[in-house]
């Protein structure tokens, strides 16, 4: 714990974020396996950590969806519900891309 405290006391931590999500489901009646991967780094130009970038930008994207009345569900809406709507999912991914956060996607059909 002391080593971590010392490391954080040096200054702004320059972090790296690695995320991989694997999903199995149906698309057009076919079993599909999808992988989404993100590798993001501290933004030196803006002084924003990778963790902040990959949490704040999706949140602001949802705020834009609300402002444009594209998200009409009431109450707490978990991200996985938003991701089920292809139009909203593409919108969030495109906004991430605008901030140079690239989500690599791979799809593979599974046998029946």
PDB file of N, CA and C in Angstrom:
ATOM      1  N   UNK A   1       0.821  -1.186   0.000  1.00  0.00           N
ATOM      2  CA  UNK A   1       0.000   0.000   0.000  1.00  0.00           C
ATOM      3  C   UNK A   1       0.872   1.260   0.000  1.00  0.00           C
ATOM      4  N   UNK A   2       1.941   1.231   0.744  1.00  0.00           N
ATOM      5  CA  UNK A   2       2.835   2.391   0.822  1.00  0.00           C
ATOM      6  C   UNK A   2       3.468   2.686  -0.536  1.00  0.00           C
ATOM      7  N   UNK A   3       3.822   1.648  -1.282  1.00  0.00           N
ATOM      8  CA  UNK A   3       4.412   1.825  -2.614  1.00  0.00           C
ATOM      9  C   UNK A   3       3.418   2.517  -3.527  1.00  0.00           C
ATOM     10  N   UNK A   4       2.153   2.120  -3.452  1.00  0.00           N
ATOM     11  CA  UNK A   4       1.116   2.734  -4.276  1.00  0.00           C
ATOM     12  C   UNK A   4       0.931   4.203  -3.908  1.00  0.00           C
ATOM     13  N   UNK A   5       0.896   4.510  -2.627  1.00  0.00           N
ATOM     14  CA  UNK A   5       0.765   5.905  -2.176  1.00  0.00           C
ATOM     15  C   UNK A   5       1.912   6.754  -2.709  1.00  0.00           C
ATOM     16  N   UNK A   6       3.117   6.221  -2.656  1.00  0.00           N
ATOM     17  CA  UNK A   6       4.281   6.963  -3.143  1.00  0.00           C
ATOM     18  C   UNK A   6       4.198   7.184  -4.652  1.00  0.00           C
ATOM     19  N   UNK A   7       3.766   6.161  -5.358  1.00  0.00           N
ATOM     20  CA  UNK A   7       3.653   6.283  -6.809  1.00  0.00           C
ATOM     21  C   UNK A   7       2.619   7.325  -7.196  1.00  0.00           C
ATOM     22  N   UNK A   8       1.500   7.378  -6.493  1.00  0.00           N
ATOM     23  CA  UNK A   8       0.449   8.341  -6.804  1.00  0.00           C
ATOM     24  C   UNK A   8       0.830   9.755  -6.374  1.00  0.00           C
ATOM     25  N   UNK A   9       1.703   9.884  -5.398  1.00  0.00           N
ATOM     26  CA  UNK A   9       2.107  11.196  -4.910  1.00  0.00           C
ATOM     27  C   UNK A   9       3.083  11.897  -5.852  1.00  0.00           C
ATOM     28  N   UNK A  10       3.650  11.169  -6.807  1.00  0.00           N
ATOM     29  CA  UNK A  10       4.641  11.720  -7.720  1.00  0.00           C
ATOM     30  C   UNK A  10       4.026  12.775  -8.631  1.00  0.00           C
ATOM     31  N   UNK A  11       2.790  12.645  -8.980  1.00  0.00           N
ATOM     32  CA  UNK A  11       2.138  13.583  -9.889  1.00  0.00           C
ATOM     33  C   UNK A  11       0.949  12.912 -10.540  1.00  0.00           C
ATOM     34  N   UNK A  12       0.539  13.473 -11.641  1.00  0.00           N
ATOM     35  CA  UNK A  12      -0.605  12.927 -12.359  1.00  0.00           C
ATOM     36  C   UNK A  12      -0.274  11.533 -12.869  1.00  0.00           C
ATOM     37  N   UNK A  13      -1.047  10.543 -12.467  1.00  0.00           N
ATOM     38  CA  UNK A  13      -0.761   9.190 -12.958  1.00  0.00           C
ATOM     39  C   UNK A  13      -1.134   9.050 -14.437  1.00  0.00           C
ATOM     40  N   UNK A  14      -0.209   8.508 -15.177  1.00  0.00           N
ATOM     41  CA  UNK A  14      -0.482   8.232 -16.587  1.00  0.00           C
ATOM     42  C   UNK A  14      -0.875   6.772 -16.682  1.00  0.00           C
ATOM     43  N   UNK A  15      -2.155   6.541 -16.874  1.00  0.00           N
ATOM     44  CA  UNK A  15      -2.668   5.178 -16.825  1.00  0.00           C
ATOM     45  C   UNK A  15      -2.896   4.599 -18.213  1.00  0.00           C
ATOM     46  N   UNK A  16      -3.237   3.348 -18.204  1.00  0.00           N
ATOM     47  CA  UNK A  16      -3.621   2.623 -19.410  1.00  0.00           C
ATOM     48  C   UNK A  16      -4.845   1.779 -19.047  1.00  0.00           C
ATOM     49  N   UNK A  17      -5.773   1.682 -19.963  1.00  0.00           N
ATOM     50  CA  UNK A  17      -6.979   0.906 -19.712  1.00  0.00           C
ATOM     51  C   UNK A  17      -7.102  -0.171 -20.786  1.00  0.00           C
ATOM     52  N   UNK A  18      -7.288  -1.396 -20.352  1.00  0.00           N
ATOM     53  CA  UNK A  18      -7.511  -2.516 -21.267  1.00  0.00           C
ATOM     54  C   UNK A  18      -8.845  -3.149 -20.891  1.00  0.00           C
ATOM     55  N   UNK A  19      -9.707  -3.319 -21.868  1.00  0.00           N
ATOM     56  CA  UNK A  19     -11.036  -3.877 -21.641  1.00  0.00           C
ATOM     57  C   UNK A  19     -11.358  -4.853 -22.761  1.00  0.00           C
ATOM     58  N   UNK A  20     -11.919  -5.972 -22.376  1.00  0.00           N
ATOM     59  CA  UNK A  20     -12.373  -6.958 -23.369  1.00  0.00           C
ATOM     60  C   UNK A  20     -13.712  -7.493 -22.894  1.00  0.00           C
ATOM     61  N   UNK A  21     -14.700  -7.417 -23.766  1.00  0.00           N
ATOM     62  CA  UNK A  21     -16.045  -7.911 -23.471  1.00  0.00           C
ATOM     63  C   UNK A  21     -16.367  -8.990 -24.488  1.00  0.00           C
ATOM     64  N   UNK A  22     -16.799 -10.131 -24.005  1.00  0.00           N
ATOM     65  CA  UNK A  22     -17.195 -11.238 -24.880  1.00  0.00           C
ATOM     66  C   UNK A  22     -18.678 -11.503 -24.672  1.00  0.00           C
ATOM     67  N   UNK A  23     -19.399 -11.606 -25.783  1.00  0.00           N
ATOM     68  CA  UNK A  23     -20.842 -11.774 -25.736  1.00  0.00           C
ATOM     69  C   UNK A  23     -21.253 -12.891 -26.692  1.00  0.00           C
ATOM     70  N   UNK A  24     -22.164 -13.711 -26.230  1.00  0.00           N
ATOM     71  CA  UNK A  24     -22.729 -14.756 -27.076  1.00  0.00           C
ATOM     72  C   UNK A  24     -24.232 -14.527 -27.141  1.00  0.00           C
ATOM     73  N   UNK A  25     -24.777 -14.569 -28.349  1.00  0.00           N
ATOM     74  CA  UNK A  25     -26.212 -14.343 -28.488  1.00  0.00           C
ATOM     75  C   UNK A  25     -26.700 -14.685 -29.879  1.00  0.00           C
ATOM     76  N   UNK A  26     -27.890 -14.213 -30.186  1.00  0.00           N
ATOM     77  CA  UNK A  26     -28.504 -14.457 -31.485  1.00  0.00           C
ATOM     78  C   UNK A  26     -28.573 -13.166 -32.286  1.00  0.00           C
ATOM     79  N   UNK A  27     -28.280 -13.275 -33.572  1.00  0.00           N
ATOM     80  CA  UNK A  27     -28.457 -12.163 -34.505  1.00  0.00           C
ATOM     81  C   UNK A  27     -29.033 -12.748 -35.780  1.00  0.00           C
ATOM     82  N   UNK A  28     -30.189 -12.246 -36.145  1.00  0.00           N
ATOM     83  CA  UNK A  28     -30.886 -12.743 -37.345  1.00  0.00           C
ATOM     84  C   UNK A  28     -31.070 -14.258 -37.290  1.00  0.00           C
ATOM     85  N   UNK A  29     -31.360 -14.759 -36.097  1.00  0.00           N
ATOM     86  CA  UNK A  29     -31.626 -16.179 -35.923  1.00  0.00           C
ATOM     87  C   UNK A  29     -30.391 -17.065 -35.880  1.00  0.00           C
ATOM     88  N   UNK A  30     -29.204 -16.483 -35.945  1.00  0.00           N
ATOM     89  CA  UNK A  30     -27.964 -17.261 -35.917  1.00  0.00           C
ATOM     90  C   UNK A  30     -27.209 -16.985 -34.617  1.00  0.00           C
ATOM     91  N   UNK A  31     -26.588 -18.053 -34.083  1.00  0.00           N
ATOM     92  CA  UNK A  31     -25.755 -17.887 -32.894  1.00  0.00           C
ATOM     93  C   UNK A  31     -24.489 -17.133 -33.269  1.00  0.00           C
ATOM     94  N   UNK A  32     -24.162 -16.159 -32.454  1.00  0.00           N
ATOM     95  CA  UNK A  32     -23.025 -15.301 -32.754  1.00  0.00           C
ATOM     96  C   UNK A  32     -22.183 -15.091 -31.501  1.00  0.00           C
ATOM     97  N   UNK A  33     -20.887 -15.047 -31.679  1.00  0.00           N
ATOM     98  CA  UNK A  33     -19.954 -14.731 -30.606  1.00  0.00           C
ATOM     99  C   UNK A  33     -19.290 -13.413 -30.990  1.00  0.00           C
ATOM    100  N   UNK A  34     -19.379 -12.411 -30.114  1.00  0.00           N
ATOM    101  CA  UNK A  34     -18.808 -11.099 -30.397  1.00  0.00           C
ATOM    102  C   UNK A  34     -17.783 -10.746 -29.327  1.00  0.00           C
ATOM    103  N   UNK A  35     -16.722 -10.098 -29.763  1.00  0.00           N
ATOM    104  CA  UNK A  35     -15.689  -9.605 -28.857  1.00  0.00           C
ATOM    105  C   UNK A  35     -15.494  -8.116 -29.124  1.00  0.00           C
ATOM    106  N   UNK A  36     -15.504  -7.343 -28.047  1.00  0.00           N
ATOM    107  CA  UNK A  36     -15.247  -5.908 -28.113  1.00  0.00           C
ATOM    108  C   UNK A  36     -14.007  -5.634 -27.269  1.00  0.00           C
ATOM    109  N   UNK A  37     -13.013  -4.969 -27.861  1.00  0.00           N
ATOM    110  CA  UNK A  37     -11.756  -4.707 -27.161  1.00  0.00           C
ATOM    111  C   UNK A  37     -11.413  -3.228 -27.223  1.00  0.00           C
ATOM    112  N   UNK A  38     -10.940  -2.711 -26.087  1.00  0.00           N
ATOM    113  CA  UNK A  38     -10.504  -1.320 -26.005  1.00  0.00           C
ATOM    114  C   UNK A  38      -9.138  -1.290 -25.330  1.00  0.00           C
ATOM    115  N   UNK A  39      -8.242  -0.507 -25.892  1.00  0.00           N
ATOM    116  CA  UNK A  39      -6.961  -0.234 -25.270  1.00  0.00           C
ATOM    117  C   UNK A  39      -6.780   1.277 -25.341  1.00  0.00           C
ATOM    118  N   UNK A  40      -6.804   1.932 -24.197  1.00  0.00           N
ATOM    119  CA  UNK A  40      -6.731   3.392 -24.180  1.00  0.00           C
ATOM    120  C   UNK A  40      -5.646   3.841 -23.217  1.00  0.00           C
ATOM    121  N   UNK A  41      -5.071   4.996 -23.507  1.00  0.00           N
ATOM    122  CA  UNK A  41      -3.983   5.538 -22.690  1.00  0.00           C
ATOM    123  C   UNK A  41      -4.302   6.955 -22.237  1.00  0.00           C
ATOM    124  N   UNK A  42      -3.584   7.372 -21.241  1.00  0.00           N
ATOM    125  CA  UNK A  42      -3.659   8.733 -20.725  1.00  0.00           C
ATOM    126  C   UNK A  42      -3.515   9.729 -21.869  1.00  0.00           C
ATOM    127  N   UNK A  43      -4.357  10.756 -21.901  1.00  0.00           N
ATOM    128  CA  UNK A  43      -4.305  11.793 -22.926  1.00  0.00           C
ATOM    129  C   UNK A  43      -3.451  12.942 -22.392  1.00  0.00           C
ATOM    130  N   UNK A  44      -2.196  12.980 -22.811  1.00  0.00           N
ATOM    131  CA  UNK A  44      -1.259  14.003 -22.306  1.00  0.00           C
ATOM    132  C   UNK A  44      -1.677  15.403 -22.729  1.00  0.00           C
ATOM    133  N   UNK A  45      -2.182  15.531 -23.931  1.00  0.00           N
ATOM    134  CA  UNK A  45      -2.550  16.858 -24.450  1.00  0.00           C
ATOM    135  C   UNK A  45      -3.625  17.508 -23.591  1.00  0.00           C
ATOM    136  N   UNK A  46      -4.587  16.709 -23.161  1.00  0.00           N
ATOM    137  CA  UNK A  46      -5.688  17.239 -22.357  1.00  0.00           C
ATOM    138  C   UNK A  46      -5.532  16.957 -20.862  1.00  0.00           C
ATOM    139  N   UNK A  47      -4.597  16.081 -20.508  1.00  0.00           N
ATOM    140  CA  UNK A  47      -4.390  15.741 -19.107  1.00  0.00           C
ATOM    141  C   UNK A  47      -5.535  14.919 -18.527  1.00  0.00           C
ATOM    142  N   UNK A  48      -6.058  13.991 -19.350  1.00  0.00           N
ATOM    143  CA  UNK A  48      -7.208  13.184 -18.924  1.00  0.00           C
ATOM    144  C   UNK A  48      -6.789  11.718 -18.894  1.00  0.00           C
ATOM    145  N   UNK A  49      -7.068  11.062 -17.769  1.00  0.00           N
ATOM    146  CA  UNK A  49      -6.693   9.654 -17.627  1.00  0.00           C
ATOM    147  C   UNK A  49      -7.537   8.765 -18.544  1.00  0.00           C
ATOM    148  N   UNK A  50      -7.003   7.606 -18.843  1.00  0.00           N
ATOM    149  CA  UNK A  50      -7.733   6.637 -19.668  1.00  0.00           C
ATOM    150  C   UNK A  50      -9.021   6.216 -18.968  1.00  0.00           C
ATOM    151  N   UNK A  51      -8.959   6.057 -17.645  1.00  0.00           N
ATOM    152  CA  UNK A  51     -10.157   5.669 -16.902  1.00  0.00           C
ATOM    153  C   UNK A  51     -11.229   6.755 -17.016  1.00  0.00           C
ATOM    154  N   UNK A  52     -10.828   8.006 -16.893  1.00  0.00           N
ATOM    155  CA  UNK A  52     -11.799   9.103 -17.021  1.00  0.00           C
ATOM    156  C   UNK A  52     -12.366   9.160 -18.433  1.00  0.00           C
ATOM    157  N   UNK A  53     -11.508   8.988 -19.430  1.00  0.00           N
ATOM    158  CA  UNK A  53     -11.953   9.046 -20.829  1.00  0.00           C
ATOM    159  C   UNK A  53     -12.984   7.963 -21.135  1.00  0.00           C
ATOM    160  N   UNK A  54     -12.703   6.764 -20.660  1.00  0.00           N
ATOM    161  CA  UNK A  54     -13.566   5.637 -21.020  1.00  0.00           C
ATOM    162  C   UNK A  54     -14.814   5.528 -20.152  1.00  0.00           C
ATOM    163  N   UNK A  55     -14.929   6.370 -19.138  1.00  0.00           N
ATOM    164  CA  UNK A  55     -16.174   6.417 -18.362  1.00  0.00           C
ATOM    165  C   UNK A  55     -16.954   7.687 -18.677  1.00  0.00           C
ATOM    166  N   UNK A  56     -16.275   8.821 -18.766  1.00  0.00           N
ATOM    167  CA  UNK A  56     -16.972  10.093 -18.979  1.00  0.00           C
ATOM    168  C   UNK A  56     -17.560  10.214 -20.388  1.00  0.00           C
ATOM    169  N   UNK A  57     -16.806   9.815 -21.407  1.00  0.00           N
ATOM    170  CA  UNK A  57     -17.311   9.999 -22.771  1.00  0.00           C
ATOM    171  C   UNK A  57     -18.553   9.148 -23.065  1.00  0.00           C
ATOM    172  N   UNK A  58     -18.621   7.904 -22.616  1.00  0.00           N
ATOM    173  CA  UNK A  58     -19.894   7.183 -22.791  1.00  0.00           C
ATOM    174  C   UNK A  58     -21.039   7.851 -22.029  1.00  0.00           C
ATOM    175  N   UNK A  59     -20.755   8.372 -20.832  1.00  0.00           N
ATOM    176  CA  UNK A  59     -21.806   9.046 -20.046  1.00  0.00           C
ATOM    177  C   UNK A  59     -22.318  10.292 -20.769  1.00  0.00           C
ATOM    178  N   UNK A  60     -21.397  11.083 -21.316  1.00  0.00           N
ATOM    179  CA  UNK A  60     -21.848  12.275 -22.033  1.00  0.00           C
ATOM    180  C   UNK A  60     -22.581  11.899 -23.319  1.00  0.00           C
ATOM    181  N   UNK A  61     -22.226  10.780 -23.903  1.00  0.00           N
ATOM    182  CA  UNK A  61     -22.950  10.302 -25.089  1.00  0.00           C
ATOM    183  C   UNK A  61     -24.397   9.974 -24.740  1.00  0.00           C
ATOM    184  N   UNK A  62     -24.594   9.377 -23.578  1.00  0.00           N
ATOM    185  CA  UNK A  62     -25.955   9.055 -23.126  1.00  0.00           C
ATOM    186  C   UNK A  62     -26.727  10.347 -22.866  1.00  0.00           C
ATOM    187  N   UNK A  63     -26.051  11.355 -22.312  1.00  0.00           N
ATOM    188  CA  UNK A  63     -26.710  12.644 -22.095  1.00  0.00           C
ATOM    189  C   UNK A  63     -27.163  13.252 -23.418  1.00  0.00           C
ATOM    190  N   UNK A  64     -26.337  13.102 -24.453  1.00  0.00           N
ATOM    191  CA  UNK A  64     -26.716  13.603 -25.785  1.00  0.00           C
ATOM    192  C   UNK A  64     -27.917  12.816 -26.316  1.00  0.00           C
ATOM    193  N   UNK A  65     -27.911  11.497 -26.130  1.00  0.00           N
ATOM    194  CA  UNK A  65     -29.065  10.685 -26.547  1.00  0.00           C
ATOM    195  C   UNK A  65     -30.345  11.165 -25.861  1.00  0.00           C
ATOM    196  N   UNK A  66     -30.249  11.473 -24.579  1.00  0.00           N
ATOM    197  CA  UNK A  66     -31.407  11.991 -23.840  1.00  0.00           C
ATOM    198  C   UNK A  66     -31.851  13.339 -24.395  1.00  0.00           C
ATOM    199  N   UNK A  67     -30.895  14.233 -24.632  1.00  0.00           N
ATOM    200  CA  UNK A  67     -31.215  15.568 -25.135  1.00  0.00           C
ATOM    201  C   UNK A  67     -31.874  15.502 -26.511  1.00  0.00           C
ATOM    202  N   UNK A  68     -31.458  14.543 -27.316  1.00  0.00           N
ATOM    203  CA  UNK A  68     -32.035  14.372 -28.662  1.00  0.00           C
ATOM    204  C   UNK A  68     -33.299  13.512 -28.643  1.00  0.00           C
ATOM    205  N   UNK A  69     -33.715  13.113 -27.473  1.00  0.00           N
ATOM    206  CA  UNK A  69     -34.899  12.284 -27.256  1.00  0.00           C
ATOM    207  C   UNK A  69     -34.826  10.949 -27.995  1.00  0.00           C
ATOM    208  N   UNK A  70     -33.602  10.441 -28.141  1.00  0.00           N
ATOM    209  CA  UNK A  70     -33.402   9.122 -28.741  1.00  0.00           C
ATOM    210  C   UNK A  70     -33.548   8.030 -27.680  1.00  0.00           C
ATOM    211  N   UNK A  71     -33.320   8.383 -26.432  1.00  0.00           N
ATOM    212  CA  UNK A  71     -33.478   7.464 -25.310  1.00  0.00           C
ATOM    213  C   UNK A  71     -34.728   7.891 -24.562  1.00  0.00           C
ATOM    214  N   UNK A  72     -35.752   7.074 -24.656  1.00  0.00           N
ATOM    215  CA  UNK A  72     -37.052   7.459 -24.099  1.00  0.00           C
ATOM    216  C   UNK A  72     -37.456   6.642 -22.880  1.00  0.00           C
ATOM    217  N   UNK A  73     -36.649   5.648 -22.498  1.00  0.00           N
ATOM    218  CA  UNK A  73     -36.979   4.829 -21.341  1.00  0.00           C
ATOM    219  C   UNK A  73     -36.901   5.675 -20.077  1.00  0.00           C
ATOM    220  N   UNK A  74     -37.760   5.387 -19.137  1.00  0.00           N
ATOM    221  CA  UNK A  74     -37.799   6.120 -17.872  1.00  0.00           C
ATOM    222  C   UNK A  74     -37.040   5.358 -16.797  1.00  0.00           C
ATOM    223  N   UNK A  75     -36.556   6.079 -15.789  1.00  0.00           N
ATOM    224  CA  UNK A  75     -35.889   5.456 -14.653  1.00  0.00           C
ATOM    225  C   UNK A  75     -34.450   5.089 -14.965  1.00  0.00           C
ATOM    226  N   UNK A  76     -33.940   4.161 -14.197  1.00  0.00           N
ATOM    227  CA  UNK A  76     -32.555   3.707 -14.373  1.00  0.00           C
ATOM    228  C   UNK A  76     -32.487   2.804 -15.604  1.00  0.00           C
ATOM    229  N   UNK A  77     -31.603   3.150 -16.512  1.00  0.00           N
ATOM    230  CA  UNK A  77     -31.437   2.371 -17.742  1.00  0.00           C
ATOM    231  C   UNK A  77     -29.987   1.877 -17.770  1.00  0.00           C
ATOM    232  N   UNK A  78     -29.781   0.583 -17.528  1.00  0.00           N
ATOM    233  CA  UNK A  78     -28.402   0.070 -17.538  1.00  0.00           C
ATOM    234  C   UNK A  78     -27.803   0.119 -18.944  1.00  0.00           C
ATOM    235  N   UNK A  79     -26.485   0.267 -19.028  1.00  0.00           N
ATOM    236  CA  UNK A  79     -25.830   0.377 -20.334  1.00  0.00           C
ATOM    237  C   UNK A  79     -26.134  -0.784 -21.279  1.00  0.00           C
ATOM    238  N   UNK A  80     -26.309  -1.981 -20.720  1.00  0.00           N
ATOM    239  CA  UNK A  80     -26.571  -3.118 -21.611  1.00  0.00           C
ATOM    240  C   UNK A  80     -27.898  -2.983 -22.341  1.00  0.00           C
ATOM    241  N   UNK A  81     -28.861  -2.259 -21.769  1.00  0.00           N
ATOM    242  CA  UNK A  81     -30.122  -2.011 -22.478  1.00  0.00           C
ATOM    243  C   UNK A  81     -29.904  -1.048 -23.635  1.00  0.00           C
ATOM    244  N   UNK A  82     -29.069  -0.058 -23.418  1.00  0.00           N
ATOM    245  CA  UNK A  82     -28.765   0.901 -24.485  1.00  0.00           C
ATOM    246  C   UNK A  82     -28.020   0.189 -25.610  1.00  0.00           C
ATOM    247  N   UNK A  83     -27.110  -0.703 -25.249  1.00  0.00           N
ATOM    248  CA  UNK A  83     -26.318  -1.425 -26.252  1.00  0.00           C
ATOM    249  C   UNK A  83     -27.169  -2.357 -27.104  1.00  0.00           C
ATOM    250  N   UNK A  84     -28.347  -2.732 -26.626  1.00  0.00           N
ATOM    251  CA  UNK A  84     -29.220  -3.613 -27.425  1.00  0.00           C
ATOM    252  C   UNK A  84     -29.843  -2.892 -28.607  1.00  0.00           C
ATOM    253  N   UNK A  85     -29.870  -1.574 -28.554  1.00  0.00           N
ATOM    254  CA  UNK A  85     -30.418  -0.781 -29.660  1.00  0.00           C
ATOM    255  C   UNK A  85     -29.272  -0.441 -30.605  1.00  0.00           C
ATOM    256  N   UNK A  86     -29.252  -1.015 -31.807  1.00  0.00           N
ATOM    257  CA  UNK A  86     -28.115  -0.816 -32.721  1.00  0.00           C
ATOM    258  C   UNK A  86     -27.818   0.652 -33.020  1.00  0.00           C
ATOM    259  N   UNK A  87     -28.845   1.464 -33.163  1.00  0.00           N
ATOM    260  CA  UNK A  87     -28.636   2.877 -33.490  1.00  0.00           C
ATOM    261  C   UNK A  87     -27.946   3.608 -32.330  1.00  0.00           C
ATOM    262  N   UNK A  88     -28.410   3.366 -31.112  1.00  0.00           N
ATOM    263  CA  UNK A  88     -27.789   4.017 -29.956  1.00  0.00           C
ATOM    264  C   UNK A  88     -26.375   3.483 -29.724  1.00  0.00           C
ATOM    265  N   UNK A  89     -26.189   2.178 -29.903  1.00  0.00           N
ATOM    266  CA  UNK A  89     -24.872   1.568 -29.723  1.00  0.00           C
ATOM    267  C   UNK A  89     -23.867   2.175 -30.707  1.00  0.00           C
ATOM    268  N   UNK A  90     -24.263   2.287 -31.974  1.00  0.00           N
ATOM    269  CA  UNK A  90     -23.381   2.892 -32.984  1.00  0.00           C
ATOM    270  C   UNK A  90     -23.078   4.354 -32.646  1.00  0.00           C
ATOM    271  N   UNK A  91     -24.082   5.061 -32.118  1.00  0.00           N
ATOM    272  CA  UNK A  91     -23.896   6.458 -31.753  1.00  0.00           C
ATOM    273  C   UNK A  91     -22.820   6.587 -30.669  1.00  0.00           C
ATOM    274  N   UNK A  92     -22.919   5.771 -29.625  1.00  0.00           N
ATOM    275  CA  UNK A  92     -21.935   5.821 -28.534  1.00  0.00           C
ATOM    276  C   UNK A  92     -20.549   5.453 -29.066  1.00  0.00           C
ATOM    277  N   UNK A  93     -20.465   4.418 -29.898  1.00  0.00           N
ATOM    278  CA  UNK A  93     -19.164   4.031 -30.464  1.00  0.00           C
ATOM    279  C   UNK A  93     -18.580   5.143 -31.329  1.00  0.00           C
ATOM    280  N   UNK A  94     -19.426   5.823 -32.094  1.00  0.00           N
ATOM    281  CA  UNK A  94     -18.920   6.895 -32.959  1.00  0.00           C
ATOM    282  C   UNK A  94     -18.407   8.066 -32.124  1.00  0.00           C
ATOM    283  N   UNK A  95     -19.082   8.371 -31.013  1.00  0.00           N
ATOM    284  CA  UNK A  95     -18.624   9.443 -30.128  1.00  0.00           C
ATOM    285  C   UNK A  95     -17.301   9.062 -29.464  1.00  0.00           C
ATOM    286  N   UNK A  96     -17.142   7.795 -29.107  1.00  0.00           N
ATOM    287  CA  UNK A  96     -15.862   7.347 -28.560  1.00  0.00           C
ATOM    288  C   UNK A  96     -14.762   7.539 -29.605  1.00  0.00           C
ATOM    289  N   UNK A  97     -15.067   7.180 -30.841  1.00  0.00           N
ATOM    290  CA  UNK A  97     -14.103   7.347 -31.934  1.00  0.00           C
ATOM    291  C   UNK A  97     -13.687   8.799 -32.122  1.00  0.00           C
ATOM    292  N   UNK A  98     -14.616   9.726 -31.908  1.00  0.00           N
ATOM    293  CA  UNK A  98     -14.292  11.147 -32.013  1.00  0.00           C
ATOM    294  C   UNK A  98     -13.246  11.561 -30.984  1.00  0.00           C
ATOM    295  N   UNK A  99     -13.181  10.836 -29.886  1.00  0.00           N
ATOM    296  CA  UNK A  99     -12.201  11.109 -28.827  1.00  0.00           C
ATOM    297  C   UNK A  99     -11.008  10.162 -28.916  1.00  0.00           C
ATOM    298  N   UNK A 100     -10.845   9.529 -30.056  1.00  0.00           N
ATOM    299  CA  UNK A 100      -9.738   8.599 -30.309  1.00  0.00           C
ATOM    300  C   UNK A 100      -9.740   7.405 -29.356  1.00  0.00           C
ATOM    301  N   UNK A 101     -10.929   6.960 -28.991  1.00  0.00           N
ATOM    302  CA  UNK A 101     -11.070   5.712 -28.240  1.00  0.00           C
ATOM    303  C   UNK A 101     -11.659   4.720 -29.223  1.00  0.00           C
ATOM    304  N   UNK A 102     -10.847   3.777 -29.653  1.00  0.00           N
ATOM    305  CA  UNK A 102     -11.286   2.828 -30.667  1.00  0.00           C
ATOM    306  C   UNK A 102     -11.717   1.513 -30.027  1.00  0.00           C
ATOM    307  N   UNK A 103     -12.898   1.095 -30.393  1.00  0.00           N
ATOM    308  CA  UNK A 103     -13.432  -0.183 -29.928  1.00  0.00           C
ATOM    309  C   UNK A 103     -13.313  -1.159 -31.096  1.00  0.00           C
ATOM    310  N   UNK A 104     -12.455  -2.155 -30.923  1.00  0.00           N
ATOM    311  CA  UNK A 104     -12.299  -3.187 -31.960  1.00  0.00           C
ATOM    312  C   UNK A 104     -13.386  -4.225 -31.764  1.00  0.00           C
ATOM    313  N   UNK A 105     -14.049  -4.570 -32.835  1.00  0.00           N
ATOM    314  CA  UNK A 105     -15.109  -5.573 -32.750  1.00  0.00           C
ATOM    315  C   UNK A 105     -14.776  -6.746 -33.658  1.00  0.00           C
ATOM    316  N   UNK A 106     -15.085  -7.923 -33.155  1.00  0.00           N
ATOM    317  CA  UNK A 106     -14.926  -9.147 -33.949  1.00  0.00           C
ATOM    318  C   UNK A 106     -16.169  -9.989 -33.741  1.00  0.00           C
ATOM    319  N   UNK A 107     -16.680 -10.535 -34.832  1.00  0.00           N
ATOM    320  CA  UNK A 107     -17.865 -11.392 -34.777  1.00  0.00           C
ATOM    321  C   UNK A 107     -17.537 -12.759 -35.375  1.00  0.00           C
ATOM    322  N   UNK A 108     -18.106 -13.775 -34.767  1.00  0.00           N
ATOM    323  CA  UNK A 108     -17.883 -15.118 -35.284  1.00  0.00           C
ATOM    324  C   UNK A 108     -19.190 -15.904 -35.090  1.00  0.00           C
ATOM    325  N   UNK A 109     -19.632 -16.541 -36.173  1.00  0.00           N
ATOM    326  CA  UNK A 109     -20.821 -17.384 -36.079  1.00  0.00           C
ATOM    327  C   UNK A 109     -20.469 -18.674 -35.369  1.00  0.00           C
ATOM    328  N   UNK A 110     -21.376 -19.134 -34.521  1.00  0.00           N
ATOM    329  CA  UNK A 110     -21.190 -20.382 -33.816  1.00  0.00           C
ATOM    330  C   UNK A 110     -22.053 -21.461 -34.463  1.00  0.00           C
ATOM    331  N   UNK A 111     -21.603 -22.677 -34.387  1.00  0.00           N
ATOM    332  CA  UNK A 111     -22.400 -23.795 -34.918  1.00  0.00           C
ATOM    333  C   UNK A 111     -23.687 -23.953 -34.120  1.00  0.00           C
ATOM    334  N   UNK A 112     -24.685 -24.545 -34.741  1.00  0.00           N
ATOM    335  CA  UNK A 112     -26.002 -24.668 -34.071  1.00  0.00           C
ATOM    336  C   UNK A 112     -26.051 -25.704 -32.994  1.00  0.00           C
TER     337      UNK A 112
END
